[in-house]
Amino acid sequence: MTMKNFTDFIEENKDTIFRYLVLNKFSIWTPEQQEKKYCDESIYIDNHYEFAKITDVIETPKGLILELDIYDPDDRERLHRKDYRPISDITLERFDIDNNEEEDE
């Protein structure tokens, strides 16, 4: 996907709430976890979704950084805080239920 395509995607989904998880990079794993190759450890820092709208994409030499408006999980209308995440450090998902749409049964 090119930057133009991704920018178009963001523009088309500017009011969409996404859920994301932050990946656990090897640099924050303990030496013991790396040595023993723990398979029961999560690949995420926290297994609880953050709810966010993507407000901007920043292109850097190291990749794309997303500017995110983080919303309260119990009140998706209330802005909780801002966050900036490299797109390579997160998994991004969209659920119909978060956007007041019916899920297919």
PDB file of N, CA and C in Angstrom:
ATOM      1  N   MET A   1       0.850  -1.171   0.000  1.00  0.00           N
ATOM      2  CA  MET A   1       0.000   0.000   0.000  1.00  0.00           C
ATOM      3  C   MET A   1       0.896   1.236   0.000  1.00  0.00           C
ATOM      4  N   THR A   2       0.603   2.156  -0.874  1.00  0.00           N
ATOM      5  CA  THR A   2       1.385   3.385  -0.941  1.00  0.00           C
ATOM      6  C   THR A   2       0.868   4.387   0.094  1.00  0.00           C
ATOM      7  N   MET A   3       1.675   5.413   0.347  1.00  0.00           N
ATOM      8  CA  MET A   3       1.265   6.440   1.293  1.00  0.00           C
ATOM      9  C   MET A   3      -0.027   7.109   0.822  1.00  0.00           C
ATOM     10  N   LYS A   4      -0.151   7.344  -0.494  1.00  0.00           N
ATOM     11  CA  LYS A   4      -1.369   7.974  -1.012  1.00  0.00           C
ATOM     12  C   LYS A   4      -2.577   7.087  -0.731  1.00  0.00           C
ATOM     13  N   ASN A   5      -2.458   5.789  -0.970  1.00  0.00           N
ATOM     14  CA  ASN A   5      -3.566   4.876  -0.693  1.00  0.00           C
ATOM     15  C   ASN A   5      -3.910   4.867   0.787  1.00  0.00           C
ATOM     16  N   PHE A   6      -2.892   4.877   1.641  1.00  0.00           N
ATOM     17  CA  PHE A   6      -3.133   4.858   3.076  1.00  0.00           C
ATOM     18  C   PHE A   6      -3.768   6.170   3.518  1.00  0.00           C
ATOM     19  N   THR A   7      -3.311   7.282   2.973  1.00  0.00           N
ATOM     20  CA  THR A   7      -3.911   8.577   3.280  1.00  0.00           C
ATOM     21  C   THR A   7      -5.372   8.599   2.849  1.00  0.00           C
ATOM     22  N   ASP A   8      -5.666   8.039   1.680  1.00  0.00           N
ATOM     23  CA  ASP A   8      -7.056   7.935   1.230  1.00  0.00           C
ATOM     24  C   ASP A   8      -7.877   7.080   2.190  1.00  0.00           C
ATOM     25  N   PHE A   9      -7.299   5.977   2.637  1.00  0.00           N
ATOM     26  CA  PHE A   9      -7.973   5.090   3.590  1.00  0.00           C
ATOM     27  C   PHE A   9      -8.308   5.848   4.879  1.00  0.00           C
ATOM     28  N   ILE A  10      -7.344   6.619   5.375  1.00  0.00           N
ATOM     29  CA  ILE A  10      -7.559   7.388   6.611  1.00  0.00           C
ATOM     30  C   ILE A  10      -8.660   8.424   6.396  1.00  0.00           C
ATOM     31  N   GLU A  11      -8.604   9.114   5.270  1.00  0.00           N
ATOM     32  CA  GLU A  11      -9.620  10.131   4.969  1.00  0.00           C
ATOM     33  C   GLU A  11     -11.022   9.504   4.897  1.00  0.00           C
ATOM     34  N   GLU A  12     -11.120   8.335   4.272  1.00  0.00           N
ATOM     35  CA  GLU A  12     -12.407   7.653   4.146  1.00  0.00           C
ATOM     36  C   GLU A  12     -12.913   7.133   5.489  1.00  0.00           C
ATOM     37  N   ASN A  13     -12.009   6.933   6.443  1.00  0.00           N
ATOM     38  CA  ASN A  13     -12.363   6.355   7.742  1.00  0.00           C
ATOM     39  C   ASN A  13     -12.101   7.304   8.904  1.00  0.00           C
ATOM     40  N   LYS A  14     -12.160   8.606   8.645  1.00  0.00           N
ATOM     41  CA  LYS A  14     -11.803   9.583   9.680  1.00  0.00           C
ATOM     42  C   LYS A  14     -12.734   9.547  10.884  1.00  0.00           C
ATOM     43  N   ASP A  15     -13.943   9.058  10.721  1.00  0.00           N
ATOM     44  CA  ASP A  15     -14.880   8.970  11.842  1.00  0.00           C
ATOM     45  C   ASP A  15     -15.014   7.550  12.383  1.00  0.00           C
ATOM     46  N   THR A  16     -14.167   6.659  11.921  1.00  0.00           N
ATOM     47  CA  THR A  16     -14.227   5.261  12.322  1.00  0.00           C
ATOM     48  C   THR A  16     -13.428   5.031  13.598  1.00  0.00           C
ATOM     49  N   ILE A  17     -14.026   4.303  14.518  1.00  0.00           N
ATOM     50  CA  ILE A  17     -13.310   3.899  15.726  1.00  0.00           C
ATOM     51  C   ILE A  17     -12.655   2.552  15.449  1.00  0.00           C
ATOM     52  N   PHE A  18     -11.352   2.480  15.686  1.00  0.00           N
ATOM     53  CA  PHE A  18     -10.595   1.251  15.556  1.00  0.00           C
ATOM     54  C   PHE A  18     -10.182   0.777  16.945  1.00  0.00           C
ATOM     55  N   ARG A  19      -9.899  -0.492  17.047  1.00  0.00           N
ATOM     56  CA  ARG A  19      -9.290  -1.034  18.257  1.00  0.00           C
ATOM     57  C   ARG A  19      -7.849  -1.389  17.896  1.00  0.00           C
ATOM     58  N   TYR A  20      -6.949  -1.161  18.848  1.00  0.00           N
ATOM     59  CA  TYR A  20      -5.572  -1.574  18.582  1.00  0.00           C
ATOM     60  C   TYR A  20      -4.909  -2.134  19.821  1.00  0.00           C
ATOM     61  N   LEU A  21      -3.928  -2.994  19.564  1.00  0.00           N
ATOM     62  CA  LEU A  21      -3.064  -3.572  20.589  1.00  0.00           C
ATOM     63  C   LEU A  21      -1.628  -3.228  20.221  1.00  0.00           C
ATOM     64  N   VAL A  22      -0.797  -2.994  21.239  1.00  0.00           N
ATOM     65  CA  VAL A  22       0.606  -2.653  21.008  1.00  0.00           C
ATOM     66  C   VAL A  22       1.432  -3.928  21.106  1.00  0.00           C
ATOM     67  N   LEU A  23       2.222  -4.178  20.059  1.00  0.00           N
ATOM     68  CA  LEU A  23       3.057  -5.377  20.019  1.00  0.00           C
ATOM     69  C   LEU A  23       4.190  -5.292  21.030  1.00  0.00           C
ATOM     70  N   ASN A  24       4.540  -6.435  21.608  1.00  0.00           N
ATOM     71  CA  ASN A  24       5.651  -6.546  22.538  1.00  0.00           C
ATOM     72  C   ASN A  24       6.917  -6.799  21.706  1.00  0.00           C
ATOM     73  N   LYS A  25       7.757  -5.792  21.592  1.00  0.00           N
ATOM     74  CA  LYS A  25       8.990  -5.914  20.801  1.00  0.00           C
ATOM     75  C   LYS A  25      10.034  -6.691  21.594  1.00  0.00           C
ATOM     76  N   PHE A  26      10.933  -7.359  20.892  1.00  0.00           N
ATOM     77  CA  PHE A  26      11.970  -8.141  21.566  1.00  0.00           C
ATOM     78  C   PHE A  26      12.816  -7.286  22.498  1.00  0.00           C
ATOM     79  N   SER A  27      12.956  -6.018  22.201  1.00  0.00           N
ATOM     80  CA  SER A  27      13.807  -5.164  23.023  1.00  0.00           C
ATOM     81  C   SER A  27      13.263  -4.976  24.433  1.00  0.00           C
ATOM     82  N   ILE A  28      11.975  -5.277  24.665  1.00  0.00           N
ATOM     83  CA  ILE A  28      11.452  -5.134  26.015  1.00  0.00           C
ATOM     84  C   ILE A  28      11.200  -6.482  26.677  1.00  0.00           C
ATOM     85  N   TRP A  29      11.556  -7.570  26.013  1.00  0.00           N
ATOM     86  CA  TRP A  29      11.473  -8.876  26.635  1.00  0.00           C
ATOM     87  C   TRP A  29      12.728  -9.067  27.481  1.00  0.00           C
ATOM     88  N   THR A  30      12.601  -9.798  28.553  1.00  0.00           N
ATOM     89  CA  THR A  30      13.758 -10.052  29.406  1.00  0.00           C
ATOM     90  C   THR A  30      14.689 -11.035  28.700  1.00  0.00           C
ATOM     91  N   PRO A  31      15.971 -11.041  29.068  1.00  0.00           N
ATOM     92  CA  PRO A  31      16.891 -12.022  28.473  1.00  0.00           C
ATOM     93  C   PRO A  31      16.422 -13.465  28.681  1.00  0.00           C
ATOM     94  N   GLU A  32      15.836 -13.755  29.845  1.00  0.00           N
ATOM     95  CA  GLU A  32      15.341 -15.112  30.105  1.00  0.00           C
ATOM     96  C   GLU A  32      14.211 -15.476  29.139  1.00  0.00           C
ATOM     97  N   GLN A  33      13.292 -14.542  28.897  1.00  0.00           N
ATOM     98  CA  GLN A  33      12.202 -14.804  27.962  1.00  0.00           C
ATOM     99  C   GLN A  33      12.746 -15.061  26.557  1.00  0.00           C
ATOM    100  N   GLN A  34      13.773 -14.294  26.170  1.00  0.00           N
ATOM    101  CA  GLN A  34      14.359 -14.478  24.846  1.00  0.00           C
ATOM    102  C   GLN A  34      15.103 -15.812  24.765  1.00  0.00           C
ATOM    103  N   GLU A  35      15.867 -16.127  25.813  1.00  0.00           N
ATOM    104  CA  GLU A  35      16.673 -17.350  25.801  1.00  0.00           C
ATOM    105  C   GLU A  35      15.794 -18.603  25.792  1.00  0.00           C
ATOM    106  N   LYS A  36      14.773 -18.608  26.631  1.00  0.00           N
ATOM    107  CA  LYS A  36      13.920 -19.791  26.747  1.00  0.00           C
ATOM    108  C   LYS A  36      12.785 -19.796  25.733  1.00  0.00           C
ATOM    109  N   LYS A  37      12.676 -18.710  24.958  1.00  0.00           N
ATOM    110  CA  LYS A  37      11.666 -18.602  23.899  1.00  0.00           C
ATOM    111  C   LYS A  37      10.274 -18.965  24.418  1.00  0.00           C
ATOM    112  N   TYR A  38       9.873 -18.283  25.477  1.00  0.00           N
ATOM    113  CA  TYR A  38       8.577 -18.541  26.081  1.00  0.00           C
ATOM    114  C   TYR A  38       7.481 -18.467  25.025  1.00  0.00           C
ATOM    115  N   CYS A  39       6.710 -19.507  24.919  1.00  0.00           N
ATOM    116  CA  CYS A  39       5.641 -19.500  23.931  1.00  0.00           C
ATOM    117  C   CYS A  39       4.301 -19.102  24.553  1.00  0.00           C
ATOM    118  N   ASP A  40       4.243 -19.062  25.887  1.00  0.00           N
ATOM    119  CA  ASP A  40       2.981 -18.692  26.512  1.00  0.00           C
ATOM    120  C   ASP A  40       2.903 -17.199  26.823  1.00  0.00           C
ATOM    121  N   GLU A  41       3.938 -16.463  26.493  1.00  0.00           N
ATOM    122  CA  GLU A  41       3.927 -15.025  26.712  1.00  0.00           C
ATOM    123  C   GLU A  41       3.124 -14.354  25.597  1.00  0.00           C
ATOM    124  N   SER A  42       2.424 -13.312  25.933  1.00  0.00           N
ATOM    125  CA  SER A  42       1.645 -12.592  24.942  1.00  0.00           C
ATOM    126  C   SER A  42       2.573 -11.870  23.967  1.00  0.00           C
ATOM    127  N   ILE A  43       2.120 -11.741  22.742  1.00  0.00           N
ATOM    128  CA  ILE A  43       2.886 -10.944  21.793  1.00  0.00           C
ATOM    129  C   ILE A  43       2.531  -9.470  21.925  1.00  0.00           C
ATOM    130  N   TYR A  44       1.616  -9.169  22.860  1.00  0.00           N
ATOM    131  CA  TYR A  44       1.192  -7.788  23.089  1.00  0.00           C
ATOM    132  C   TYR A  44       1.622  -7.317  24.477  1.00  0.00           C
ATOM    133  N   ILE A  45       1.866  -6.021  24.598  1.00  0.00           N
ATOM    134  CA  ILE A  45       2.227  -5.446  25.892  1.00  0.00           C
ATOM    135  C   ILE A  45       1.057  -5.588  26.853  1.00  0.00           C
ATOM    136  N   ASP A  46      -0.133  -5.316  26.376  1.00  0.00           N
ATOM    137  CA  ASP A  46      -1.350  -5.404  27.176  1.00  0.00           C
ATOM    138  C   ASP A  46      -2.411  -6.031  26.288  1.00  0.00           C
ATOM    139  N   ASN A  47      -3.173  -6.949  26.818  1.00  0.00           N
ATOM    140  CA  ASN A  47      -4.188  -7.641  26.020  1.00  0.00           C
ATOM    141  C   ASN A  47      -5.546  -6.946  26.035  1.00  0.00           C
ATOM    142  N   HIS A  48      -5.574  -5.692  26.426  1.00  0.00           N
ATOM    143  CA  HIS A  48      -6.809  -4.914  26.409  1.00  0.00           C
ATOM    144  C   HIS A  48      -6.737  -3.899  25.274  1.00  0.00           C
ATOM    145  N   TYR A  49      -7.786  -3.881  24.476  1.00  0.00           N
ATOM    146  CA  TYR A  49      -7.822  -2.963  23.342  1.00  0.00           C
ATOM    147  C   TYR A  49      -7.875  -1.504  23.789  1.00  0.00           C
ATOM    148  N   GLU A  50      -7.218  -0.661  23.020  1.00  0.00           N
ATOM    149  CA  GLU A  50      -7.433   0.784  23.087  1.00  0.00           C
ATOM    150  C   GLU A  50      -8.407   1.104  21.961  1.00  0.00           C
ATOM    151  N   PHE A  51      -9.317   2.047  22.179  1.00  0.00           N
ATOM    152  CA  PHE A  51     -10.292   2.466  21.171  1.00  0.00           C
ATOM    153  C   PHE A  51      -9.841   3.820  20.640  1.00  0.00           C
ATOM    154  N   ALA A  52      -9.673   3.924  19.316  1.00  0.00           N
ATOM    155  CA  ALA A  52      -9.080   5.146  18.776  1.00  0.00           C
ATOM    156  C   ALA A  52      -9.627   5.485  17.401  1.00  0.00           C
ATOM    157  N   LYS A  53      -9.559   6.782  17.107  1.00  0.00           N
ATOM    158  CA  LYS A  53      -9.760   7.280  15.752  1.00  0.00           C
ATOM    159  C   LYS A  53      -8.407   7.765  15.263  1.00  0.00           C
ATOM    160  N   ILE A  54      -8.095   7.464  14.014  1.00  0.00           N
ATOM    161  CA  ILE A  54      -6.832   7.915  13.420  1.00  0.00           C
ATOM    162  C   ILE A  54      -7.054   9.336  12.916  1.00  0.00           C
ATOM    163  N   THR A  55      -6.279  10.286  13.442  1.00  0.00           N
ATOM    164  CA  THR A  55      -6.474  11.679  13.057  1.00  0.00           C
ATOM    165  C   THR A  55      -5.425  12.179  12.078  1.00  0.00           C
ATOM    166  N   ASP A  56      -4.277  11.498  12.014  1.00  0.00           N
ATOM    167  CA  ASP A  56      -3.240  11.925  11.077  1.00  0.00           C
ATOM    168  C   ASP A  56      -2.242  10.795  10.886  1.00  0.00           C
ATOM    169  N   VAL A  57      -1.547  10.836   9.770  1.00  0.00           N
ATOM    170  CA  VAL A  57      -0.466   9.909   9.478  1.00  0.00           C
ATOM    171  C   VAL A  57       0.778  10.738   9.225  1.00  0.00           C
ATOM    172  N   ILE A  58       1.837  10.433   9.947  1.00  0.00           N
ATOM    173  CA  ILE A  58       3.084  11.176   9.825  1.00  0.00           C
ATOM    174  C   ILE A  58       4.115  10.251   9.184  1.00  0.00           C
ATOM    175  N   GLU A  59       4.656  10.694   8.057  1.00  0.00           N
ATOM    176  CA  GLU A  59       5.654   9.896   7.348  1.00  0.00           C
ATOM    177  C   GLU A  59       7.038  10.284   7.856  1.00  0.00           C
ATOM    178  N   THR A  60       7.801   9.299   8.339  1.00  0.00           N
ATOM    179  CA  THR A  60       9.161   9.526   8.828  1.00  0.00           C
ATOM    180  C   THR A  60      10.102   8.584   8.088  1.00  0.00           C
ATOM    181  N   PRO A  61      11.415   8.817   8.172  1.00  0.00           N
ATOM    182  CA  PRO A  61      12.358   7.896   7.530  1.00  0.00           C
ATOM    183  C   PRO A  61      12.259   6.463   8.056  1.00  0.00           C
ATOM    184  N   LYS A  62      11.778   6.298   9.286  1.00  0.00           N
ATOM    185  CA  LYS A  62      11.662   4.962   9.876  1.00  0.00           C
ATOM    186  C   LYS A  62      10.294   4.332   9.674  1.00  0.00           C
ATOM    187  N   GLY A  63       9.383   5.029   9.007  1.00  0.00           N
ATOM    188  CA  GLY A  63       8.061   4.470   8.756  1.00  0.00           C
ATOM    189  C   GLY A  63       6.958   5.444   9.110  1.00  0.00           C
ATOM    190  N   LEU A  64       5.740   4.934   9.089  1.00  0.00           N
ATOM    191  CA  LEU A  64       4.556   5.758   9.345  1.00  0.00           C
ATOM    192  C   LEU A  64       4.214   5.770  10.826  1.00  0.00           C
ATOM    193  N   ILE A  65       3.861   6.945  11.323  1.00  0.00           N
ATOM    194  CA  ILE A  65       3.398   7.094  12.695  1.00  0.00           C
ATOM    195  C   ILE A  65       1.954   7.581  12.635  1.00  0.00           C
ATOM    196  N   LEU A  66       1.103   6.929  13.414  1.00  0.00           N
ATOM    197  CA  LEU A  66      -0.300   7.313  13.460  1.00  0.00           C
ATOM    198  C   LEU A  66      -0.546   8.242  14.638  1.00  0.00           C
ATOM    199  N   GLU A  67      -1.256   9.326  14.388  1.00  0.00           N
ATOM    200  CA  GLU A  67      -1.742  10.175  15.475  1.00  0.00           C
ATOM    201  C   GLU A  67      -3.131   9.661  15.803  1.00  0.00           C
ATOM    202  N   LEU A  68      -3.343   9.311  17.055  1.00  0.00           N
ATOM    203  CA  LEU A  68      -4.576   8.668  17.476  1.00  0.00           C
ATOM    204  C   LEU A  68      -5.280   9.472  18.560  1.00  0.00           C
ATOM    205  N   ASP A  69      -6.590   9.598  18.428  1.00  0.00           N
ATOM    206  CA  ASP A  69      -7.423  10.109  19.514  1.00  0.00           C
ATOM    207  C   ASP A  69      -7.959   8.881  20.233  1.00  0.00           C
ATOM    208  N   ILE A  70      -7.573   8.715  21.500  1.00  0.00           N
ATOM    209  CA  ILE A  70      -7.978   7.547  22.278  1.00  0.00           C
ATOM    210  C   ILE A  70      -9.271   7.873  23.016  1.00  0.00           C
ATOM    211  N   TYR A  71     -10.227   6.957  22.910  1.00  0.00           N
ATOM    212  CA  TYR A  71     -11.539   7.154  23.522  1.00  0.00           C
ATOM    213  C   TYR A  71     -11.728   6.222  24.707  1.00  0.00           C
ATOM    214  N   ASP A  72     -12.533   6.674  25.634  1.00  0.00           N
ATOM    215  CA  ASP A  72     -12.903   5.879  26.799  1.00  0.00           C
ATOM    216  C   ASP A  72     -13.675   4.654  26.306  1.00  0.00           C
ATOM    217  N   PRO A  73     -13.284   3.435  26.711  1.00  0.00           N
ATOM    218  CA  PRO A  73     -13.981   2.244  26.223  1.00  0.00           C
ATOM    219  C   PRO A  73     -15.456   2.171  26.650  1.00  0.00           C
ATOM    220  N   ASP A  74     -15.797   2.854  27.744  1.00  0.00           N
ATOM    221  CA  ASP A  74     -17.189   2.830  28.214  1.00  0.00           C
ATOM    222  C   ASP A  74     -18.029   3.958  27.627  1.00  0.00           C
ATOM    223  N   ASP A  75     -17.371   4.971  27.097  1.00  0.00           N
ATOM    224  CA  ASP A  75     -18.079   6.107  26.506  1.00  0.00           C
ATOM    225  C   ASP A  75     -17.306   6.539  25.264  1.00  0.00           C
ATOM    226  N   ARG A  76     -17.645   5.950  24.129  1.00  0.00           N
ATOM    227  CA  ARG A  76     -16.865   6.160  22.900  1.00  0.00           C
ATOM    228  C   ARG A  76     -16.984   7.567  22.345  1.00  0.00           C
ATOM    229  N   GLU A  77     -17.831   8.391  22.970  1.00  0.00           N
ATOM    230  CA  GLU A  77     -17.958   9.783  22.534  1.00  0.00           C
ATOM    231  C   GLU A  77     -16.964  10.687  23.261  1.00  0.00           C
ATOM    232  N   ARG A  78     -16.398  10.209  24.367  1.00  0.00           N
ATOM    233  CA  ARG A  78     -15.536  11.041  25.201  1.00  0.00           C
ATOM    234  C   ARG A  78     -14.067  10.789  24.877  1.00  0.00           C
ATOM    235  N   LEU A  79     -13.395  11.845  24.430  1.00  0.00           N
ATOM    236  CA  LEU A  79     -11.966  11.753  24.134  1.00  0.00           C
ATOM    237  C   LEU A  79     -11.203  11.597  25.438  1.00  0.00           C
ATOM    238  N   HIS A  80     -10.362  10.591  25.496  1.00  0.00           N
ATOM    239  CA  HIS A  80      -9.602  10.278  26.705  1.00  0.00           C
ATOM    240  C   HIS A  80      -8.212  10.912  26.669  1.00  0.00           C
ATOM    241  N   ARG A  81      -7.496  10.758  25.525  1.00  0.00           N
ATOM    242  CA  ARG A  81      -6.150  11.313  25.378  1.00  0.00           C
ATOM    243  C   ARG A  81      -5.697  11.149  23.932  1.00  0.00           C
ATOM    244  N   LYS A  82      -4.539  11.722  23.630  1.00  0.00           N
ATOM    245  CA  LYS A  82      -3.892  11.560  22.323  1.00  0.00           C
ATOM    246  C   LYS A  82      -2.767  10.543  22.466  1.00  0.00           C
ATOM    247  N   ASP A  83      -2.431   9.874  21.380  1.00  0.00           N
ATOM    248  CA  ASP A  83      -1.313   8.934  21.375  1.00  0.00           C
ATOM    249  C   ASP A  83      -0.691   8.951  19.985  1.00  0.00           C
ATOM    250  N   TYR A  84       0.576   8.602  19.926  1.00  0.00           N
ATOM    251  CA  TYR A  84       1.302   8.488  18.660  1.00  0.00           C
ATOM    252  C   TYR A  84       1.965   7.126  18.645  1.00  0.00           C
ATOM    253  N   ARG A  85       1.691   6.338  17.601  1.00  0.00           N
ATOM    254  CA  ARG A  85       2.237   4.987  17.514  1.00  0.00           C
ATOM    255  C   ARG A  85       2.747   4.697  16.108  1.00  0.00           C
ATOM    256  N   PRO A  86       3.951   4.122  15.998  1.00  0.00           N
ATOM    257  CA  PRO A  86       4.390   3.624  14.693  1.00  0.00           C
ATOM    258  C   PRO A  86       3.430   2.521  14.249  1.00  0.00           C
ATOM    259  N   ILE A  87       3.052   2.556  13.004  1.00  0.00           N
ATOM    260  CA  ILE A  87       2.089   1.567  12.512  1.00  0.00           C
ATOM    261  C   ILE A  87       2.655   0.149  12.612  1.00  0.00           C
ATOM    262  N   SER A  88       3.977   0.021  12.591  1.00  0.00           N
ATOM    263  CA  SER A  88       4.602  -1.296  12.697  1.00  0.00           C
ATOM    264  C   SER A  88       4.540  -1.856  14.115  1.00  0.00           C
ATOM    265  N   ASP A  89       4.158  -1.043  15.100  1.00  0.00           N
ATOM    266  CA  ASP A  89       4.125  -1.479  16.494  1.00  0.00           C
ATOM    267  C   ASP A  89       2.744  -1.872  16.990  1.00  0.00           C
ATOM    268  N   ILE A  90       1.743  -1.827  16.113  1.00  0.00           N
ATOM    269  CA  ILE A  90       0.386  -2.121  16.570  1.00  0.00           C
ATOM    270  C   ILE A  90      -0.335  -3.059  15.608  1.00  0.00           C
ATOM    271  N   THR A  91      -1.375  -3.683  16.123  1.00  0.00           N
ATOM    272  CA  THR A  91      -2.346  -4.364  15.265  1.00  0.00           C
ATOM    273  C   THR A  91      -3.618  -3.522  15.340  1.00  0.00           C
ATOM    274  N   LEU A  92      -4.198  -3.267  14.206  1.00  0.00           N
ATOM    275  CA  LEU A  92      -5.345  -2.377  14.089  1.00  0.00           C
ATOM    276  C   LEU A  92      -6.528  -3.188  13.591  1.00  0.00           C
ATOM    277  N   GLU A  93      -7.664  -3.081  14.295  1.00  0.00           N
ATOM    278  CA  GLU A  93      -8.860  -3.826  13.905  1.00  0.00           C
ATOM    279  C   GLU A  93     -10.073  -2.915  13.944  1.00  0.00           C
ATOM    280  N   ARG A  94     -11.051  -3.252  13.119  1.00  0.00           N
ATOM    281  CA  ARG A  94     -12.297  -2.493  13.070  1.00  0.00           C
ATOM    282  C   ARG A  94     -13.450  -3.444  13.363  1.00  0.00           C
ATOM    283  N   PHE A  95     -14.329  -3.023  14.285  1.00  0.00           N
ATOM    284  CA  PHE A  95     -15.506  -3.808  14.638  1.00  0.00           C
ATOM    285  C   PHE A  95     -16.752  -2.967  14.374  1.00  0.00           C
ATOM    286  N   ASP A  96     -17.731  -3.557  13.706  1.00  0.00           N
ATOM    287  CA  ASP A  96     -18.967  -2.835  13.393  1.00  0.00           C
ATOM    288  C   ASP A  96     -19.646  -2.300  14.645  1.00  0.00           C
ATOM    289  N   ILE A  97     -19.626  -3.077  15.700  1.00  0.00           N
ATOM    290  CA  ILE A  97     -20.319  -2.694  16.930  1.00  0.00           C
ATOM    291  C   ILE A  97     -19.752  -1.406  17.530  1.00  0.00           C
ATOM    292  N   ASP A  98     -18.474  -1.121  17.300  1.00  0.00           N
ATOM    293  CA  ASP A  98     -17.859   0.106  17.820  1.00  0.00           C
ATOM    294  C   ASP A  98     -18.277   1.342  17.023  1.00  0.00           C
ATOM    295  N   ASN A  99     -18.839   1.124  15.859  1.00  0.00           N
ATOM    296  CA  ASN A  99     -19.203   2.219  14.973  1.00  0.00           C
ATOM    297  C   ASN A  99     -20.706   2.285  14.734  1.00  0.00           C
ATOM    298  N   ASN A 100     -21.460   1.793  15.714  1.00  0.00           N
ATOM    299  CA  ASN A 100     -22.923   1.815  15.683  1.00  0.00           C
ATOM    300  C   ASN A 100     -23.493   1.158  14.443  1.00  0.00           C
ATOM    301  N   GLU A 101     -22.851   0.068  14.041  1.00  0.00           N
ATOM    302  CA  GLU A 101     -23.326  -0.704  12.900  1.00  0.00           C
ATOM    303  C   GLU A 101     -23.664  -2.092  13.376  1.00  0.00           C
ATOM    304  N   GLU A 102     -24.588  -2.721  12.707  1.00  0.00           N
ATOM    305  CA  GLU A 102     -24.972  -4.086  13.046  1.00  0.00           C
ATOM    306  C   GLU A 102     -23.897  -5.058  12.569  1.00  0.00           C
ATOM    307  N   GLU A 103     -23.552  -6.020  13.419  1.00  0.00           N
ATOM    308  CA  GLU A 103     -22.637  -7.064  12.990  1.00  0.00           C
ATOM    309  C   GLU A 103     -23.427  -8.126  12.247  1.00  0.00           C
ATOM    310  N   ASP A 104     -22.793  -8.726  11.239  1.00  0.00           N
ATOM    311  CA  ASP A 104     -23.447  -9.811  10.499  1.00  0.00           C
ATOM    312  C   ASP A 104     -23.504 -11.035  11.406  1.00  0.00           C
ATOM    313  N   GLU A 105     -24.626 -11.710  11.374  1.00  0.00           N
ATOM    314  CA  GLU A 105     -24.775 -12.905  12.198  1.00  0.00           C
ATOM    315  C   GLU A 105     -24.571 -14.140  11.372  1.00  0.00           C
TER     316      GLU A 105
END
